[in-house]
Amino acid sequence: MKIKFSKSFSKAVDKLSGKQLGSVLDVIKEVKSAEGIEDITDCTRLVGYHSVYRIRIGNYRAFFTFHIEIVDDVVYFRYLVSRGQAYTKKVEKELKRLDD
């Protein structure tokens, strides 16, 4: 699959180190090599959304949108936030905006 990153996601990854950074990089590699969304470990479509998914990475949650383009599938990583921040009203509002 094709992968794209938002500025917010890239900044969050830049702040990570050690095991957390390694886990995120492993997930990115897994997504690149996946043939379909169902091949991604710990990937769940969020209830009430059409194209927003989350991947559990230890204490972090990576939120992304999945759109099928004419030629290839594209996974667009939007947010990487800690589990405590993942389900706040602020993040929920941003995800709803992306899903429209």
Protein backbone atom coordinates (compact mmCIF):
# COMPACT_ATOMS: atom_id res chain seq x y z
CA MET A 1 0.00 0.00 0.00
CA LYS A 2 0.99 3.61 -0.44
CA ILE A 3 1.59 5.58 2.74
CA LYS A 4 1.35 9.31 3.41
CA PHE A 5 1.97 11.19 6.66
CA SER A 6 0.45 14.37 8.02
CA LYS A 7 2.66 17.02 9.58
CA SER A 8 1.11 16.26 12.97
CA PHE A 9 1.91 12.55 12.70
CA SER A 10 5.51 13.23 11.61
CA LYS A 11 6.07 15.61 14.54
CA ALA A 12 4.74 13.05 17.01
CA VAL A 13 7.03 10.34 15.60
CA ASP A 14 10.03 12.69 15.80
CA LYS A 15 9.43 13.04 19.57
CA LEU A 16 9.58 9.27 20.16
CA SER A 17 12.67 7.26 20.99
CA GLY A 18 13.76 3.75 21.83
CA LYS A 19 11.19 0.98 21.90
CA GLN A 20 8.26 3.28 21.07
CA LEU A 21 9.93 4.59 17.93
CA GLY A 22 10.87 1.06 16.89
CA SER A 23 7.28 -0.11 17.34
CA VAL A 24 5.91 2.72 15.20
CA LEU A 25 8.46 2.05 12.46
CA ASP A 26 7.56 -1.67 12.54
CA VAL A 27 3.87 -0.81 12.09
CA ILE A 28 4.68 1.49 9.16
CA LYS A 29 6.64 -1.32 7.49
CA GLU A 30 3.77 -3.73 8.10
CA VAL A 31 1.25 -1.32 6.55
CA LYS A 32 3.48 -0.81 3.49
CA SER A 33 3.68 -4.54 2.88
CA ALA A 34 -0.01 -5.26 3.62
CA GLU A 35 -2.18 -6.17 0.67
CA GLY A 36 -5.36 -5.02 2.40
CA ILE A 37 -6.56 -3.27 5.52
CA GLU A 38 -7.44 -6.65 7.06
CA ASP A 39 -3.76 -7.68 6.94
CA ILE A 40 -2.71 -4.99 9.46
CA THR A 41 -2.28 -6.20 13.06
CA ASP A 42 -4.38 -4.43 15.73
CA CYS A 43 -6.13 -2.31 13.11
CA THR A 44 -9.75 -1.39 13.80
CA ARG A 45 -12.19 0.87 12.00
CA LEU A 46 -13.63 3.35 14.48
CA VAL A 47 -17.34 2.94 15.16
CA GLY A 48 -19.34 5.72 13.53
CA TYR A 49 -16.67 6.54 10.91
CA HIS A 50 -16.42 5.50 7.28
CA SER A 51 -12.70 5.77 6.57
CA VAL A 52 -10.98 6.39 9.94
CA TYR A 53 -9.01 3.56 11.54
CA ARG A 54 -6.73 3.17 14.52
CA ILE A 55 -3.74 0.95 15.17
CA ARG A 56 -2.76 0.11 18.71
CA ILE A 57 0.98 0.53 19.28
CA GLY A 58 1.64 -0.13 22.96
CA ASN A 59 0.42 2.93 24.87
CA TYR A 60 -0.03 4.90 21.65
CA ARG A 61 -2.78 4.99 19.06
CA ALA A 62 -2.13 5.82 15.42
CA PHE A 63 -5.18 7.20 13.64
CA PHE A 64 -5.32 7.14 9.88
CA THR A 65 -7.71 7.51 7.01
CA PHE A 66 -7.90 4.88 4.31
CA HIS A 67 -8.93 5.86 0.81
CA ILE A 68 -8.83 3.84 -2.36
CA GLU A 69 -7.31 5.82 -5.19
CA ILE A 70 -7.70 4.86 -8.83
CA VAL A 71 -4.38 3.02 -9.02
CA ASP A 72 -3.39 2.02 -5.48
CA ASP A 73 -4.65 1.87 -1.92
CA VAL A 74 -3.44 4.80 0.20
CA VAL A 75 -3.08 4.87 3.97
CA TYR A 76 -2.78 8.44 5.24
CA PHE A 77 -1.47 8.53 8.83
CA ARG A 78 -3.02 11.59 10.48
CA TYR A 79 -2.39 11.43 14.24
CA LEU A 80 -0.19 9.59 16.71
CA VAL A 81 -1.34 10.24 20.26
CA SER A 82 -1.04 8.54 23.62
CA ARG A 83 -3.85 6.26 24.71
CA GLY A 84 -5.04 8.84 27.25
CA GLN A 85 -5.37 11.52 24.56
CA ALA A 86 -6.74 9.21 21.88
CA TYR A 87 -10.39 9.41 22.84
CA THR A 88 -10.67 13.03 23.99
CA LYS A 89 -13.25 15.41 22.53
CA LYS A 90 -10.51 17.34 20.69
CA VAL A 91 -9.23 14.26 18.82
CA GLU A 92 -12.77 13.03 18.21
CA LYS A 93 -13.69 16.40 16.66
CA GLU A 94 -10.65 16.29 14.34
CA LEU A 95 -11.40 12.71 13.27
CA LYS A 96 -15.04 13.59 12.50
CA ARG A 97 -13.79 16.46 10.33
CA LEU A 98 -11.51 14.08 8.42
CA ASP A 99 -14.25 11.52 7.86
CA ASP A 100 -16.56 13.88 5.96
